[in-house]
């Protein structure tokens, strides 16, 4: 979970950085916050698809979406840290609520049928034992042709 949270915050920061670069490159007269937010979200998606980050690509992309929505909603004169905090606070709040709900609804540990302990109830799946392959006896020596 902490790595997913870092992925969410990383998506927020990547999108904010791409938005800042876009605001610096595009002249202020032609700057459209919605288009720049879309382009910065595409940059975040491109980073999330890198081979080393694919495992955490979804949290990075969700953080980027939260930041892009924040950029679209907030006025253009808000500073970068105001945008990052406006996107990061709901992400952190959702993370805390999910962890608290998960801790309340699911017990911390349980014991499985075979006596080993599982981290959570329901995470272990009862796997039936595999039957031994059928064995056949070799034919009697008298019936083997010579």
Protein backbone atom coordinates (compact mmCIF):
# COMPACT_ATOMS: atom_id res chain seq x y z
CA UNK A 1 0.00 0.00 0.00
CA UNK A 2 2.72 2.58 0.71
CA UNK A 3 4.14 2.05 -2.78
CA UNK A 4 0.70 2.62 -4.28
CA UNK A 5 0.37 5.83 -2.30
CA UNK A 6 3.76 6.93 -3.59
CA UNK A 7 2.56 6.03 -7.09
CA UNK A 8 -0.51 8.22 -6.64
CA UNK A 9 1.57 11.12 -5.40
CA UNK A 10 4.08 10.49 -8.18
CA UNK A 11 1.29 10.76 -10.74
CA UNK A 12 0.21 14.05 -9.19
CA UNK A 13 3.76 15.40 -9.35
CA UNK A 14 4.44 14.15 -12.89
CA UNK A 15 1.25 15.75 -14.18
CA UNK A 16 1.98 18.99 -12.32
CA UNK A 17 5.52 19.04 -13.75
CA UNK A 18 4.27 18.42 -17.29
CA UNK A 19 1.63 21.13 -16.81
CA UNK A 20 4.29 23.56 -15.59
CA UNK A 21 6.50 22.82 -18.59
CA UNK A 22 3.52 23.30 -20.88
CA UNK A 23 2.68 26.63 -19.28
CA UNK A 24 6.29 27.73 -19.75
CA UNK A 25 6.43 26.70 -23.43
CA UNK A 26 3.00 27.87 -24.60
CA UNK A 27 2.47 31.64 -24.72
CA UNK A 28 0.02 32.86 -22.05
CA UNK A 29 -2.41 34.18 -24.65
CA UNK A 30 -2.79 30.77 -26.30
CA UNK A 31 -2.68 28.74 -23.07
CA UNK A 32 -5.84 26.70 -22.52
CA UNK A 33 -5.83 25.00 -19.11
CA UNK A 34 -7.94 22.08 -20.34
CA UNK A 35 -5.68 21.26 -23.27
CA UNK A 36 -2.54 21.63 -21.20
CA UNK A 37 -4.06 19.38 -18.53
CA UNK A 38 -4.86 16.78 -21.18
CA UNK A 39 -1.34 16.88 -22.59
CA UNK A 40 0.15 16.65 -19.11
CA UNK A 41 -2.08 13.64 -18.40
CA UNK A 42 -0.78 12.01 -21.58
CA UNK A 43 2.77 12.63 -20.36
CA UNK A 44 1.85 10.97 -17.05
CA UNK A 45 0.36 8.00 -18.92
CA UNK A 46 3.55 7.68 -20.98
CA UNK A 47 5.61 7.56 -17.80
CA UNK A 48 3.20 5.03 -16.24
CA UNK A 49 3.72 2.70 -19.21
CA UNK A 50 7.47 2.46 -18.75
CA UNK A 51 8.50 -1.18 -18.24
CA UNK A 52 9.77 -0.71 -14.69
CA UNK A 53 6.64 1.13 -13.58
CA UNK A 54 3.92 -1.03 -15.10
CA UNK A 55 3.17 -2.70 -11.80
CA UNK A 56 2.32 0.69 -10.27
CA UNK A 57 1.03 2.25 -13.48
CA UNK A 58 -2.59 2.39 -12.39
CA UNK A 59 -1.94 4.35 -9.18
CA UNK A 60 0.35 6.72 -11.10
CA UNK A 61 -2.32 7.23 -13.73
CA UNK A 62 -5.04 7.77 -11.12
CA UNK A 63 -2.90 10.39 -9.41
CA UNK A 64 -2.41 12.05 -12.79
CA UNK A 65 -6.15 12.06 -13.38
CA UNK A 66 -6.73 13.66 -9.97
CA UNK A 67 -4.20 16.36 -10.84
CA UNK A 68 -5.64 16.96 -14.33
CA UNK A 69 -9.12 17.39 -12.86
CA UNK A 70 -7.72 19.76 -10.25
CA UNK A 71 -6.01 21.80 -12.97
CA UNK A 72 -9.27 22.02 -14.89
CA UNK A 73 -11.27 23.13 -11.87
CA UNK A 74 -8.84 25.55 -10.21
CA UNK A 75 -8.30 29.03 -11.62
CA UNK A 76 -5.16 29.61 -13.68
CA UNK A 77 -3.49 31.96 -11.20
CA UNK A 78 -3.09 29.32 -8.45
CA UNK A 79 0.56 28.45 -7.75
CA UNK A 80 1.96 24.98 -8.38
CA UNK A 81 2.04 23.97 -4.71
CA UNK A 82 -1.59 25.00 -4.35
CA UNK A 83 -2.50 22.71 -7.26
CA UNK A 84 -0.44 19.81 -5.88
CA UNK A 85 -1.97 20.14 -2.43
CA UNK A 86 -5.47 20.43 -3.90
CA UNK A 87 -4.91 17.13 -5.74
CA UNK A 88 -2.92 15.34 -3.05
CA UNK A 89 -5.27 15.95 -0.10
CA UNK A 90 -8.20 13.97 -1.61
CA UNK A 91 -5.78 11.20 -2.63
CA UNK A 92 -4.38 10.94 0.89
CA UNK A 93 -7.87 11.09 2.41
CA UNK A 94 -9.07 8.27 0.17
CA UNK A 95 -6.01 6.21 1.08
CA UNK A 96 -6.62 6.66 4.82
CA UNK A 97 -10.33 5.79 4.47
CA UNK A 98 -9.60 2.67 2.45
CA UNK A 99 -6.99 1.45 4.92
CA UNK A 100 -9.26 2.12 7.92
CA UNK A 101 -12.23 0.40 6.29
CA UNK A 102 -10.08 -2.55 5.28
CA UNK A 103 -8.71 -2.89 8.83
CA UNK A 104 -12.20 -2.81 10.35
CA UNK A 105 -13.94 -5.16 7.92
CA UNK A 106 -11.22 -7.81 7.58
CA UNK A 107 -9.56 -9.53 10.54
CA UNK A 108 -5.78 -9.31 10.74
CA UNK A 109 -4.99 -13.03 10.59
CA UNK A 110 -6.61 -16.41 10.48
CA UNK A 111 -5.61 -20.06 10.54
CA UNK A 112 -6.23 -22.27 7.53
CA UNK A 113 -7.41 -25.86 7.55
CA UNK A 114 -3.88 -27.29 7.41
CA UNK A 115 -2.76 -25.22 10.43
CA UNK A 116 -0.69 -22.64 8.58
CA UNK A 117 -1.60 -19.04 9.13
CA UNK A 118 -2.79 -16.74 6.39
CA UNK A 119 -2.32 -12.97 6.36
CA UNK A 120 -6.03 -12.32 5.81
CA UNK A 121 -9.22 -14.29 5.87
CA UNK A 122 -10.29 -15.16 2.36
CA UNK A 123 -6.83 -14.82 0.84
CA UNK A 124 -6.24 -18.54 1.05
CA UNK A 125 -8.05 -20.77 -1.37
CA UNK A 126 -8.64 -24.38 -0.47
CA UNK A 127 -6.90 -26.41 -3.15
CA UNK A 128 -8.03 -30.02 -3.33
CA UNK A 129 -5.19 -32.54 -3.26
CA UNK A 130 -4.24 -33.85 -6.66
CA UNK A 131 -4.93 -37.56 -7.08
CA UNK A 132 -2.02 -39.86 -7.74
CA UNK A 133 -1.71 -40.98 -11.34
CA UNK A 134 -3.15 -44.43 -11.99
CA UNK A 135 -0.58 -47.20 -12.00
CA UNK A 136 -0.82 -50.24 -14.21
CA UNK A 137 0.91 -53.50 -13.57
CA UNK A 138 3.20 -54.83 -16.28
CA UNK A 139 1.76 -57.74 -18.27
CA UNK A 140 2.68 -61.27 -17.13
CA UNK A 141 5.80 -62.73 -18.75
CA UNK A 142 3.88 -65.58 -20.37
CA UNK A 143 1.71 -63.20 -22.43
CA UNK A 144 4.61 -61.25 -23.91
CA UNK A 145 5.41 -62.48 -27.45
CA UNK A 146 9.00 -63.47 -28.21
